[in-house]
Structure formats: C-alpha cells, structure tokens
C-alpha cells in the first residue's frame, strides 16, 4: 500500500518520489520573458503625453503672462520631459545590467528634481496666476512627465521585438520589392 500511495502522490509532490526539488531544477533569479506592450497601453501612453503637453501649452498660450514668463514655463516643461526620460532610461539600464555611471545617474536625478523645483518655485511666486491656474499647470506638468516615462518604456520595449512582416499581397511589400 505504501508503494501505491507514494506513486499516487509523486504526481502531486515531485520530492515524494525522490525527484530533485523544483528550486534545484531552475535558477532562483530567472528573468521573466519580456512581453510586447499592448496596443492599448501604447496608445494610452501617447494620448496621455499629447494631452498633458497640449493642455500645458494651450494654458501658456491663453495666459496673460509676459512672453519671458511663458518662455520660462516652456523651458521648464522641456527640461522636465528630458530629465524624466533620461532618468527612466538610466534606472532601467541599471536594472537590466547595462552599465550606467553613477555620475550620470546622479545628474539625471538632480535634473528631475531641479525641473520640479523650478516649476514649483515659479508657480509659488507667480502672483498674476490664480490658484486654480497654478494647479492646472502643476497637474499638466505631472501628467506630461509620467506619460513621457511610459512612452519611453514602450519605445524601448517595442524595440526588442521584430516588426511584423507584411502580408504577401500588401501594397507596401510590393513597393519594397521594387527597390
């Protein structure tokens, strides 16, 4: 009976029949297989980026600020977008084992903190803006930074996968054959 019981349970518990434990059969830190971002996530990321940047820029265009103030807020937006994407790339490079210097990583963190501080200080001292306008700029800025990181992640993830081949009868495929 014990032989039958051990053979019956060996299909449930691999260690019951003397098999090596599952942890010994595969490495402990197995890398998950990269997955292609879904078209919905890619589209939502781009939509959020375009909406955030457009809202911020439309707000600047419609504001009664002096041109030099508008230029300041535009430069802060561009600096913040670059800093957020740069920091995301650096952090991801390190997570994937791609060398990134500590100096550049520190500069990326400093740049993002500086962009946030410049926006915060600028809005705090903007006496001509209503509190609701200040909140609007802050939220549009935050949305744009977050979305830029998501778009950069998608671009990098999609670069790992080959582009789908075109169908035989596709007009684009015929155009490529004539070159």
Protein backbone atom coordinates (compact mmCIF):
# COMPACT_ATOMS: atom_id res chain seq x y z
CA UNK A 1 0.00 0.00 0.00
CA UNK A 2 2.82 2.41 0.76
CA UNK A 3 4.24 1.84 -2.72
CA UNK A 4 0.91 2.66 -4.31
CA UNK A 5 0.48 5.71 -2.09
CA UNK A 6 3.95 7.05 -2.88
CA UNK A 7 3.41 6.60 -6.63
CA UNK A 8 0.00 8.27 -6.39
CA UNK A 9 1.44 11.27 -4.57
CA UNK A 10 4.55 11.54 -6.74
CA UNK A 11 2.50 13.24 -9.43
CA UNK A 12 1.48 15.89 -6.89
CA UNK A 13 4.74 16.30 -4.98
CA UNK A 14 7.90 15.85 -7.08
CA UNK A 15 10.04 15.39 -3.95
CA UNK A 16 7.94 12.42 -2.76
CA UNK A 17 9.40 10.04 -5.35
CA UNK A 18 12.97 11.22 -4.78
CA UNK A 19 12.98 13.87 -7.50
CA UNK A 20 15.06 16.97 -7.01
CA UNK A 21 13.18 19.95 -5.59
CA UNK A 22 11.83 22.43 -8.15
CA UNK A 23 14.20 25.15 -6.88
CA UNK A 24 17.20 22.96 -7.76
CA UNK A 25 15.90 22.38 -11.28
CA UNK A 26 15.78 26.05 -12.32
CA UNK A 27 17.76 29.13 -11.28
CA UNK A 28 16.37 31.15 -8.41
CA UNK A 29 16.58 34.52 -10.18
CA UNK A 30 15.05 33.51 -13.50
CA UNK A 31 14.47 36.51 -15.75
CA UNK A 32 10.85 36.91 -16.81
CA UNK A 33 10.33 36.81 -20.54
CA UNK A 34 9.82 40.29 -21.93
CA UNK A 35 6.32 40.91 -23.18
CA UNK A 36 5.32 43.17 -26.01
CA UNK A 37 3.34 46.20 -24.76
CA UNK A 38 -0.28 46.03 -25.80
CA UNK A 39 -1.50 48.48 -28.43
CA UNK A 40 -3.98 49.83 -25.86
CA UNK A 41 -1.20 50.70 -23.41
CA UNK A 42 0.97 52.22 -26.13
CA UNK A 43 -1.96 54.30 -27.37
CA UNK A 44 -2.98 55.38 -23.89
CA UNK A 45 0.61 56.43 -23.12
CA UNK A 46 0.90 58.53 -26.26
CA UNK A 47 -2.57 60.02 -25.69
CA UNK A 48 -1.66 60.98 -22.11
CA UNK A 49 1.60 62.58 -23.25
CA UNK A 50 -0.04 64.55 -26.03
CA UNK A 51 -2.94 65.59 -23.80
CA UNK A 52 -0.65 66.71 -20.97
CA UNK A 53 1.72 68.66 -23.20
CA UNK A 54 -1.14 70.16 -25.23
CA UNK A 55 -3.02 71.25 -22.10
CA UNK A 56 0.12 72.85 -20.67
CA UNK A 57 0.95 74.65 -23.92
CA UNK A 58 -2.64 75.79 -24.54
CA UNK A 59 -2.68 77.14 -20.99
CA UNK A 60 0.53 79.06 -21.71
CA UNK A 61 -0.81 80.40 -24.99
CA UNK A 62 -4.03 81.63 -23.37
CA UNK A 63 -2.43 83.09 -20.26
CA UNK A 64 -1.90 86.78 -19.71
CA UNK A 65 1.75 86.28 -18.70
CA UNK A 66 4.61 88.22 -20.21
CA UNK A 67 6.43 86.48 -23.05
CA UNK A 68 9.53 85.89 -20.89
CA UNK A 69 7.36 84.10 -18.28
CA UNK A 70 5.82 81.92 -20.98
CA UNK A 71 9.32 81.08 -22.21
CA UNK A 72 10.37 80.15 -18.68
CA UNK A 73 7.47 77.75 -18.22
CA UNK A 74 8.01 76.27 -21.69
CA UNK A 75 11.71 75.69 -20.96
CA UNK A 76 10.83 74.07 -17.62
CA UNK A 77 8.44 71.69 -19.41
CA UNK A 78 11.04 70.68 -21.99
CA UNK A 79 13.74 70.29 -19.32
CA UNK A 80 11.41 68.20 -17.17
CA UNK A 81 10.44 65.90 -20.06
CA UNK A 82 14.08 65.31 -20.95
CA UNK A 83 15.08 64.73 -17.32
CA UNK A 84 12.26 62.23 -16.72
CA UNK A 85 13.06 60.20 -19.84
CA UNK A 86 16.79 60.28 -19.09
CA UNK A 87 16.25 59.12 -15.52
CA UNK A 88 13.90 56.32 -16.62
CA UNK A 89 16.43 55.08 -19.16
CA UNK A 90 19.27 55.18 -16.65
CA UNK A 91 17.33 53.34 -13.96
CA UNK A 92 16.17 50.70 -16.44
CA UNK A 93 19.69 50.28 -17.84
CA UNK A 94 20.96 49.55 -14.35
CA UNK A 95 18.11 47.13 -13.65
CA UNK A 96 18.96 45.23 -16.85
CA UNK A 97 22.68 45.11 -16.08
CA UNK A 98 23.65 47.69 -18.70
CA UNK A 99 26.40 49.90 -17.30
CA UNK A 100 25.39 53.43 -16.35
CA UNK A 101 27.78 55.64 -14.47
CA UNK A 102 26.88 56.90 -11.02
CA UNK A 103 27.69 60.41 -12.19
CA UNK A 104 25.10 60.29 -14.99
CA UNK A 105 22.53 58.66 -12.73
CA UNK A 106 23.07 61.40 -10.16
CA UNK A 107 22.78 64.09 -12.84
CA UNK A 108 19.52 62.56 -14.07
CA UNK A 109 18.06 62.59 -10.54
CA UNK A 110 19.33 66.14 -9.98
CA UNK A 111 17.87 67.32 -13.30
CA UNK A 112 14.43 65.93 -12.50
CA UNK A 113 14.49 67.42 -9.00
CA UNK A 114 15.62 70.75 -10.48
CA UNK A 115 12.81 70.77 -13.06
CA UNK A 116 10.24 70.06 -10.34
CA UNK A 117 11.74 72.75 -8.10
CA UNK A 118 11.82 75.32 -10.92
CA UNK A 119 8.16 74.71 -11.69
CA UNK A 120 7.20 74.79 -8.01
CA UNK A 121 9.15 77.97 -7.28
CA UNK A 122 7.85 79.63 -10.45
CA UNK A 123 4.24 78.83 -9.59
CA UNK A 124 4.68 79.84 -5.94
CA UNK A 125 5.98 83.26 -6.97
CA UNK A 126 3.55 83.81 -9.86
CA UNK A 127 1.36 86.49 -8.35
CA UNK A 128 -0.59 87.02 -11.57
CA UNK A 129 -1.90 83.42 -11.63
CA UNK A 130 -4.99 82.22 -9.79
CA UNK A 131 -4.60 79.21 -7.52
CA UNK A 132 -6.65 77.13 -9.97
CA UNK A 133 -4.28 78.09 -12.80
CA UNK A 134 -1.29 77.08 -10.71
CA UNK A 135 -2.90 73.72 -10.04
CA UNK A 136 -3.66 73.31 -13.72
CA UNK A 137 -0.02 73.86 -14.69
CA UNK A 138 1.18 71.54 -11.96
CA UNK A 139 -1.16 68.73 -12.98
CA UNK A 140 -0.45 69.11 -16.71
CA UNK A 141 3.29 69.06 -15.92
CA UNK A 142 3.00 65.94 -13.75
CA UNK A 143 0.85 64.17 -16.35
CA UNK A 144 3.35 65.02 -19.08
CA UNK A 145 6.32 63.72 -17.06
CA UNK A 146 4.57 60.48 -16.16
CA UNK A 147 3.39 59.92 -19.72
CA UNK A 148 6.85 60.63 -21.17
CA UNK A 149 8.28 57.87 -18.99
CA UNK A 150 5.55 55.46 -20.14
CA UNK A 151 6.11 56.34 -23.80
CA UNK A 152 9.87 55.87 -23.46
CA UNK A 153 9.31 52.50 -21.77
CA UNK A 154 7.04 51.42 -24.63
CA UNK A 155 9.51 52.56 -27.28
CA UNK A 156 12.27 50.61 -25.60
CA UNK A 157 10.13 47.51 -25.08
CA UNK A 158 8.90 47.55 -28.67
CA UNK A 159 12.49 47.80 -29.95
CA UNK A 160 13.12 44.31 -28.53
CA UNK A 161 10.60 42.73 -30.85
CA UNK A 162 10.94 42.42 -34.61
CA UNK A 163 8.45 44.35 -36.69
CA UNK A 164 5.68 42.13 -38.03
CA UNK A 165 6.25 41.11 -41.62
CA UNK A 166 3.85 42.41 -44.23
CA UNK A 167 1.44 40.11 -45.99
CA UNK A 168 2.33 38.87 -49.48
CA UNK A 169 -0.34 40.97 -51.23
CA UNK A 170 0.29 44.12 -49.21
CA UNK A 171 0.94 47.23 -51.30
CA UNK A 172 3.83 48.19 -49.01
CA UNK A 173 5.51 44.82 -49.56
CA UNK A 174 5.30 45.28 -53.33
CA UNK A 175 6.80 48.74 -53.03
CA UNK A 176 9.76 47.30 -51.04
CA UNK A 177 10.44 44.69 -53.74
CA UNK A 178 10.93 47.35 -56.41
CA UNK A 179 13.85 49.00 -54.62
